[in-house]
Amino acid sequence: MSKKHIEECVKTSLQGYFTDLRGSEPDGLYDMLVRVVEKPLLEVVMHEADHNQSRAAQWLGLNRNTLRKKLLEHKLL
């Protein structure tokens, strides 16, 4: 799967989200999107890194402490 394919998936999902709103205005869209994308991202990366936080943090370009904080926020630890 290419970066372009992921971008298209996000775009299609967002278009569906706006369709589902049926004209209502969204609220807090940026924070909502970050939350719903961040958790599966962390789940998959942690799995692929064999739950090695240092390796996963490196792959994500995050400090290990930042990764740990995000894992706790999403109840993944």
PDB file of N, CA and C in Angstrom:
ATOM      1  N   MET A   1       0.856  -1.174   0.000  1.00  0.00           N
ATOM      2  CA  MET A   1       0.000   0.000   0.000  1.00  0.00           C
ATOM      3  C   MET A   1       0.898   1.232   0.000  1.00  0.00           C
ATOM      4  N   SER A   2       0.611   2.131  -0.861  1.00  0.00           N
ATOM      5  CA  SER A   2       1.428   3.328  -0.973  1.00  0.00           C
ATOM      6  C   SER A   2       0.880   4.456  -0.111  1.00  0.00           C
ATOM      7  N   LYS A   3       1.729   5.455   0.088  1.00  0.00           N
ATOM      8  CA  LYS A   3       1.328   6.658   0.823  1.00  0.00           C
ATOM      9  C   LYS A   3       0.103   7.285   0.154  1.00  0.00           C
ATOM     10  N   LYS A   4       0.093   7.292  -1.167  1.00  0.00           N
ATOM     11  CA  LYS A   4      -1.019   7.871  -1.925  1.00  0.00           C
ATOM     12  C   LYS A   4      -2.318   7.112  -1.642  1.00  0.00           C
ATOM     13  N   HIS A   5      -2.232   5.780  -1.518  1.00  0.00           N
ATOM     14  CA  HIS A   5      -3.423   4.983  -1.229  1.00  0.00           C
ATOM     15  C   HIS A   5      -3.979   5.325   0.160  1.00  0.00           C
ATOM     16  N   ILE A   6      -3.105   5.488   1.134  1.00  0.00           N
ATOM     17  CA  ILE A   6      -3.546   5.860   2.485  1.00  0.00           C
ATOM     18  C   ILE A   6      -4.232   7.223   2.451  1.00  0.00           C
ATOM     19  N   GLU A   7      -3.642   8.161   1.711  1.00  0.00           N
ATOM     20  CA  GLU A   7      -4.246   9.496   1.579  1.00  0.00           C
ATOM     21  C   GLU A   7      -5.641   9.400   0.969  1.00  0.00           C
ATOM     22  N   GLU A   8      -5.794   8.558  -0.049  1.00  0.00           N
ATOM     23  CA  GLU A   8      -7.098   8.390  -0.686  1.00  0.00           C
ATOM     24  C   GLU A   8      -8.115   7.769   0.275  1.00  0.00           C
ATOM     25  N   CYS A   9      -7.670   6.823   1.095  1.00  0.00           N
ATOM     26  CA  CYS A   9      -8.564   6.205   2.086  1.00  0.00           C
ATOM     27  C   CYS A   9      -9.070   7.252   3.079  1.00  0.00           C
ATOM     28  N   VAL A  10      -8.170   8.100   3.535  1.00  0.00           N
ATOM     29  CA  VAL A  10      -8.550   9.159   4.482  1.00  0.00           C
ATOM     30  C   VAL A  10      -9.527  10.124   3.812  1.00  0.00           C
ATOM     31  N   LYS A  11      -9.206  10.521   2.589  1.00  0.00           N
ATOM     32  CA  LYS A  11     -10.065  11.460   1.860  1.00  0.00           C
ATOM     33  C   LYS A  11     -11.469  10.879   1.675  1.00  0.00           C
ATOM     34  N   THR A  12     -11.544   9.634   1.245  1.00  0.00           N
ATOM     35  CA  THR A  12     -12.834   8.978   1.027  1.00  0.00           C
ATOM     36  C   THR A  12     -13.619   8.877   2.334  1.00  0.00           C
ATOM     37  N   SER A  13     -12.928   8.530   3.412  1.00  0.00           N
ATOM     38  CA  SER A  13     -13.596   8.425   4.718  1.00  0.00           C
ATOM     39  C   SER A  13     -14.132   9.776   5.176  1.00  0.00           C
ATOM     40  N   LEU A  14     -13.351  10.823   4.967  1.00  0.00           N
ATOM     41  CA  LEU A  14     -13.803  12.166   5.359  1.00  0.00           C
ATOM     42  C   LEU A  14     -15.001  12.618   4.520  1.00  0.00           C
ATOM     43  N   GLN A  15     -14.977  12.308   3.237  1.00  0.00           N
ATOM     44  CA  GLN A  15     -16.115  12.657   2.390  1.00  0.00           C
ATOM     45  C   GLN A  15     -17.370  11.929   2.868  1.00  0.00           C
ATOM     46  N   GLY A  16     -17.217  10.665   3.257  1.00  0.00           N
ATOM     47  CA  GLY A  16     -18.345   9.909   3.811  1.00  0.00           C
ATOM     48  C   GLY A  16     -18.833  10.506   5.119  1.00  0.00           C
ATOM     49  N   TYR A  17     -17.884  10.978   5.944  1.00  0.00           N
ATOM     50  CA  TYR A  17     -18.239  11.607   7.224  1.00  0.00           C
ATOM     51  C   TYR A  17     -19.101  12.845   6.972  1.00  0.00           C
ATOM     52  N   PHE A  18     -18.685  13.683   6.008  1.00  0.00           N
ATOM     53  CA  PHE A  18     -19.465  14.885   5.705  1.00  0.00           C
ATOM     54  C   PHE A  18     -20.829  14.531   5.116  1.00  0.00           C
ATOM     55  N   THR A  19     -20.887  13.486   4.320  1.00  0.00           N
ATOM     56  CA  THR A  19     -22.170  13.035   3.780  1.00  0.00           C
ATOM     57  C   THR A  19     -23.091  12.607   4.922  1.00  0.00           C
ATOM     58  N   ASP A  20     -22.532  11.873   5.874  1.00  0.00           N
ATOM     59  CA  ASP A  20     -23.323  11.406   7.020  1.00  0.00           C
ATOM     60  C   ASP A  20     -23.836  12.558   7.881  1.00  0.00           C
ATOM     61  N   LEU A  21     -23.127  13.672   7.883  1.00  0.00           N
ATOM     62  CA  LEU A  21     -23.561  14.834   8.682  1.00  0.00           C
ATOM     63  C   LEU A  21     -24.814  15.486   8.096  1.00  0.00           C
ATOM     64  N   ARG A  22     -25.067  15.252   6.826  1.00  0.00           N
ATOM     65  CA  ARG A  22     -26.258  15.786   6.134  1.00  0.00           C
ATOM     66  C   ARG A  22     -26.440  17.285   6.350  1.00  0.00           C
ATOM     67  N   GLY A  23     -25.356  18.014   6.138  1.00  0.00           N
ATOM     68  CA  GLY A  23     -25.433  19.470   6.222  1.00  0.00           C
ATOM     69  C   GLY A  23     -25.120  20.054   7.587  1.00  0.00           C
ATOM     70  N   SER A  24     -25.087  19.234   8.616  1.00  0.00           N
ATOM     71  CA  SER A  24     -24.707  19.740   9.935  1.00  0.00           C
ATOM     72  C   SER A  24     -23.224  20.084   9.911  1.00  0.00           C
ATOM     73  N   GLU A  25     -22.847  21.080  10.680  1.00  0.00           N
ATOM     74  CA  GLU A  25     -21.444  21.468  10.717  1.00  0.00           C
ATOM     75  C   GLU A  25     -20.691  20.623  11.737  1.00  0.00           C
ATOM     76  N   PRO A  26     -19.497  20.158  11.352  1.00  0.00           N
ATOM     77  CA  PRO A  26     -18.690  19.370  12.295  1.00  0.00           C
ATOM     78  C   PRO A  26     -18.100  20.274  13.371  1.00  0.00           C
ATOM     79  N   ASP A  27     -17.750  19.659  14.483  1.00  0.00           N
ATOM     80  CA  ASP A  27     -17.125  20.408  15.575  1.00  0.00           C
ATOM     81  C   ASP A  27     -15.904  19.625  16.047  1.00  0.00           C
ATOM     82  N   GLY A  28     -14.775  20.296  16.140  1.00  0.00           N
ATOM     83  CA  GLY A  28     -13.566  19.630  16.619  1.00  0.00           C
ATOM     84  C   GLY A  28     -13.061  18.569  15.666  1.00  0.00           C
ATOM     85  N   LEU A  29     -13.208  18.810  14.380  1.00  0.00           N
ATOM     86  CA  LEU A  29     -12.868  17.815  13.368  1.00  0.00           C
ATOM     87  C   LEU A  29     -11.406  17.390  13.425  1.00  0.00           C
ATOM     88  N   TYR A  30     -10.506  18.340  13.598  1.00  0.00           N
ATOM     89  CA  TYR A  30      -9.073  18.009  13.618  1.00  0.00           C
ATOM     90  C   TYR A  30      -8.746  17.063  14.766  1.00  0.00           C
ATOM     91  N   ASP A  31      -9.174  17.406  15.967  1.00  0.00           N
ATOM     92  CA  ASP A  31      -8.894  16.555  17.129  1.00  0.00           C
ATOM     93  C   ASP A  31      -9.542  15.178  16.988  1.00  0.00           C
ATOM     94  N   MET A  32     -10.754  15.139  16.453  1.00  0.00           N
ATOM     95  CA  MET A  32     -11.441  13.869  16.254  1.00  0.00           C
ATOM     96  C   MET A  32     -10.657  12.992  15.280  1.00  0.00           C
ATOM     97  N   LEU A  33     -10.207  13.586  14.192  1.00  0.00           N
ATOM     98  CA  LEU A  33      -9.472  12.815  13.195  1.00  0.00           C
ATOM     99  C   LEU A  33      -8.153  12.301  13.744  1.00  0.00           C
ATOM    100  N   VAL A  34      -7.444  13.134  14.480  1.00  0.00           N
ATOM    101  CA  VAL A  34      -6.169  12.703  15.073  1.00  0.00           C
ATOM    102  C   VAL A  34      -6.405  11.532  16.014  1.00  0.00           C
ATOM    103  N   ARG A  35      -7.448  11.607  16.838  1.00  0.00           N
ATOM    104  CA  ARG A  35      -7.750  10.519  17.779  1.00  0.00           C
ATOM    105  C   ARG A  35      -8.059   9.214  17.058  1.00  0.00           C
ATOM    106  N   VAL A  36      -8.892   9.279  16.018  1.00  0.00           N
ATOM    107  CA  VAL A  36      -9.313   8.036  15.361  1.00  0.00           C
ATOM    108  C   VAL A  36      -8.219   7.441  14.484  1.00  0.00           C
ATOM    109  N   VAL A  37      -7.273   8.238  14.048  1.00  0.00           N
ATOM    110  CA  VAL A  37      -6.166   7.722  13.243  1.00  0.00           C
ATOM    111  C   VAL A  37      -5.015   7.276  14.134  1.00  0.00           C
ATOM    112  N   GLU A  38      -4.775   8.005  15.212  1.00  0.00           N
ATOM    113  CA  GLU A  38      -3.617   7.730  16.063  1.00  0.00           C
ATOM    114  C   GLU A  38      -3.690   6.362  16.736  1.00  0.00           C
ATOM    115  N   LYS A  39      -4.849   5.986  17.233  1.00  0.00           N
ATOM    116  CA  LYS A  39      -4.941   4.716  17.958  1.00  0.00           C
ATOM    117  C   LYS A  39      -4.618   3.514  17.066  1.00  0.00           C
ATOM    118  N   PRO A  40      -5.247   3.365  15.884  1.00  0.00           N
ATOM    119  CA  PRO A  40      -4.872   2.217  15.054  1.00  0.00           C
ATOM    120  C   PRO A  40      -3.431   2.292  14.573  1.00  0.00           C
ATOM    121  N   LEU A  41      -2.920   3.492  14.348  1.00  0.00           N
ATOM    122  CA  LEU A  41      -1.509   3.644  13.973  1.00  0.00           C
ATOM    123  C   LEU A  41      -0.623   3.065  15.063  1.00  0.00           C
ATOM    124  N   LEU A  42      -0.884   3.433  16.298  1.00  0.00           N
ATOM    125  CA  LEU A  42      -0.087   2.933  17.423  1.00  0.00           C
ATOM    126  C   LEU A  42      -0.248   1.424  17.587  1.00  0.00           C
ATOM    127  N   GLU A  43      -1.465   0.921  17.442  1.00  0.00           N
ATOM    128  CA  GLU A  43      -1.694  -0.516  17.570  1.00  0.00           C
ATOM    129  C   GLU A  43      -0.884  -1.308  16.543  1.00  0.00           C
ATOM    130  N   VAL A  44      -0.936  -0.878  15.302  1.00  0.00           N
ATOM    131  CA  VAL A  44      -0.244  -1.603  14.238  1.00  0.00           C
ATOM    132  C   VAL A  44       1.264  -1.493  14.391  1.00  0.00           C
ATOM    133  N   VAL A  45       1.754  -0.302  14.662  1.00  0.00           N
ATOM    134  CA  VAL A  45       3.206  -0.127  14.801  1.00  0.00           C
ATOM    135  C   VAL A  45       3.730  -0.914  15.991  1.00  0.00           C
ATOM    136  N   MET A  46       3.021  -0.903  17.102  1.00  0.00           N
ATOM    137  CA  MET A  46       3.473  -1.664  18.268  1.00  0.00           C
ATOM    138  C   MET A  46       3.492  -3.159  17.953  1.00  0.00           C
ATOM    139  N   HIS A  47       2.495  -3.642  17.241  1.00  0.00           N
ATOM    140  CA  HIS A  47       2.467  -5.057  16.858  1.00  0.00           C
ATOM    141  C   HIS A  47       3.661  -5.392  15.964  1.00  0.00           C
ATOM    142  N   GLU A  48       3.878  -4.564  14.951  1.00  0.00           N
ATOM    143  CA  GLU A  48       4.969  -4.816  14.001  1.00  0.00           C
ATOM    144  C   GLU A  48       6.345  -4.692  14.661  1.00  0.00           C
ATOM    145  N   ALA A  49       6.434  -3.884  15.710  1.00  0.00           N
ATOM    146  CA  ALA A  49       7.695  -3.709  16.441  1.00  0.00           C
ATOM    147  C   ALA A  49       7.805  -4.709  17.589  1.00  0.00           C
ATOM    148  N   ASP A  50       6.949  -5.724  17.599  1.00  0.00           N
ATOM    149  CA  ASP A  50       6.928  -6.725  18.675  1.00  0.00           C
ATOM    150  C   ASP A  50       6.818  -6.086  20.057  1.00  0.00           C
ATOM    151  N   HIS A  51       6.044  -5.012  20.127  1.00  0.00           N
ATOM    152  CA  HIS A  51       5.776  -4.279  21.368  1.00  0.00           C
ATOM    153  C   HIS A  51       7.036  -3.669  21.988  1.00  0.00           C
ATOM    154  N   ASN A  52       8.059  -3.475  21.166  1.00  0.00           N
ATOM    155  CA  ASN A  52       9.284  -2.817  21.603  1.00  0.00           C
ATOM    156  C   ASN A  52       9.067  -1.316  21.446  1.00  0.00           C
ATOM    157  N   GLN A  53       8.888  -0.622  22.578  1.00  0.00           N
ATOM    158  CA  GLN A  53       8.566   0.794  22.545  1.00  0.00           C
ATOM    159  C   GLN A  53       9.686   1.638  21.940  1.00  0.00           C
ATOM    160  N   SER A  54      10.918   1.282  22.202  1.00  0.00           N
ATOM    161  CA  SER A  54      12.033   2.047  21.636  1.00  0.00           C
ATOM    162  C   SER A  54      12.038   1.956  20.114  1.00  0.00           C
ATOM    163  N   ARG A  55      11.842   0.746  19.596  1.00  0.00           N
ATOM    164  CA  ARG A  55      11.802   0.547  18.146  1.00  0.00           C
ATOM    165  C   ARG A  55      10.600   1.264  17.535  1.00  0.00           C
ATOM    166  N   ALA A  56       9.441   1.120  18.154  1.00  0.00           N
ATOM    167  CA  ALA A  56       8.231   1.767  17.643  1.00  0.00           C
ATOM    168  C   ALA A  56       8.384   3.288  17.654  1.00  0.00           C
ATOM    169  N   ALA A  57       8.951   3.825  18.711  1.00  0.00           N
ATOM    170  CA  ALA A  57       9.157   5.274  18.788  1.00  0.00           C
ATOM    171  C   ALA A  57      10.074   5.748  17.668  1.00  0.00           C
ATOM    172  N   GLN A  58      11.105   4.974  17.405  1.00  0.00           N
ATOM    173  CA  GLN A  58      12.033   5.326  16.325  1.00  0.00           C
ATOM    174  C   GLN A  58      11.307   5.314  14.981  1.00  0.00           C
ATOM    175  N   TRP A  59      10.533   4.285  14.729  1.00  0.00           N
ATOM    176  CA  TRP A  59       9.788   4.189  13.472  1.00  0.00           C
ATOM    177  C   TRP A  59       8.827   5.362  13.301  1.00  0.00           C
ATOM    178  N   LEU A  60       8.216   5.778  14.411  1.00  0.00           N
ATOM    179  CA  LEU A  60       7.235   6.859  14.365  1.00  0.00           C
ATOM    180  C   LEU A  60       7.875   8.248  14.371  1.00  0.00           C
ATOM    181  N   GLY A  61       9.172   8.300  14.686  1.00  0.00           N
ATOM    182  CA  GLY A  61       9.841   9.592  14.786  1.00  0.00           C
ATOM    183  C   GLY A  61       9.449  10.331  16.051  1.00  0.00           C
ATOM    184  N   LEU A  62       9.162   9.552  17.101  1.00  0.00           N
ATOM    185  CA  LEU A  62       8.766  10.116  18.391  1.00  0.00           C
ATOM    186  C   LEU A  62       9.792   9.783  19.457  1.00  0.00           C
ATOM    187  N   ASN A  63       9.811  10.584  20.489  1.00  0.00           N
ATOM    188  CA  ASN A  63      10.568  10.256  21.684  1.00  0.00           C
ATOM    189  C   ASN A  63       9.855   9.096  22.370  1.00  0.00           C
ATOM    190  N   ARG A  64      10.596   8.176  22.978  1.00  0.00           N
ATOM    191  CA  ARG A  64       9.978   7.012  23.628  1.00  0.00           C
ATOM    192  C   ARG A  64       8.980   7.435  24.702  1.00  0.00           C
ATOM    193  N   ASN A  65       9.305   8.490  25.460  1.00  0.00           N
ATOM    194  CA  ASN A  65       8.384   8.963  26.498  1.00  0.00           C
ATOM    195  C   ASN A  65       7.087   9.497  25.894  1.00  0.00           C
ATOM    196  N   THR A  66       7.199  10.151  24.740  1.00  0.00           N
ATOM    197  CA  THR A  66       6.005  10.648  24.047  1.00  0.00           C
ATOM    198  C   THR A  66       5.155   9.477  23.583  1.00  0.00           C
ATOM    199  N   LEU A  67       5.790   8.460  23.032  1.00  0.00           N
ATOM    200  CA  LEU A  67       5.058   7.266  22.610  1.00  0.00           C
ATOM    201  C   LEU A  67       4.350   6.635  23.794  1.00  0.00           C
ATOM    202  N   ARG A  68       5.051   6.487  24.886  1.00  0.00           N
ATOM    203  CA  ARG A  68       4.465   5.876  26.085  1.00  0.00           C
ATOM    204  C   ARG A  68       3.237   6.665  26.557  1.00  0.00           C
ATOM    205  N   LYS A  69       3.348   7.988  26.531  1.00  0.00           N
ATOM    206  CA  LYS A  69       2.222   8.845  26.931  1.00  0.00           C
ATOM    207  C   LYS A  69       1.016   8.609  26.017  1.00  0.00           C
ATOM    208  N   LYS A  70       1.275   8.520  24.717  1.00  0.00           N
ATOM    209  CA  LYS A  70       0.191   8.293  23.763  1.00  0.00           C
ATOM    210  C   LYS A  70      -0.426   6.903  23.936  1.00  0.00           C
ATOM    211  N   LEU A  71       0.410   5.907  24.212  1.00  0.00           N
ATOM    212  CA  LEU A  71      -0.100   4.557  24.455  1.00  0.00           C
ATOM    213  C   LEU A  71      -1.002   4.542  25.683  1.00  0.00           C
ATOM    214  N   LEU A  72      -0.614   5.256  26.716  1.00  0.00           N
ATOM    215  CA  LEU A  72      -1.433   5.344  27.931  1.00  0.00           C
ATOM    216  C   LEU A  72      -2.748   6.081  27.646  1.00  0.00           C
ATOM    217  N   GLU A  73      -2.666   7.176  26.884  1.00  0.00           N
ATOM    218  CA  GLU A  73      -3.882   7.954  26.548  1.00  0.00           C
ATOM    219  C   GLU A  73      -4.906   7.094  25.802  1.00  0.00           C
ATOM    220  N   HIS A  74      -4.421   6.207  24.962  1.00  0.00           N
ATOM    221  CA  HIS A  74      -5.312   5.354  24.173  1.00  0.00           C
ATOM    222  C   HIS A  74      -5.584   4.005  24.849  1.00  0.00           C
ATOM    223  N   LYS A  75      -5.134   3.894  26.091  1.00  0.00           N
ATOM    224  CA  LYS A  75      -5.337   2.662  26.881  1.00  0.00           C
ATOM    225  C   LYS A  75      -4.765   1.436  26.173  1.00  0.00           C
ATOM    226  N   LEU A  76      -3.572   1.610  25.616  1.00  0.00           N
ATOM    227  CA  LEU A  76      -2.899   0.518  24.929  1.00  0.00           C
ATOM    228  C   LEU A  76      -1.791  -0.082  25.785  1.00  0.00           C
ATOM    229  N   LEU A  77      -1.653   0.381  27.001  1.00  0.00           N
ATOM    230  CA  LEU A  77      -0.705  -0.199  27.975  1.00  0.00           C
ATOM    231  C   LEU A  77      -1.471  -0.643  29.200  1.00  0.00           C
TER     232      LEU A  77
END
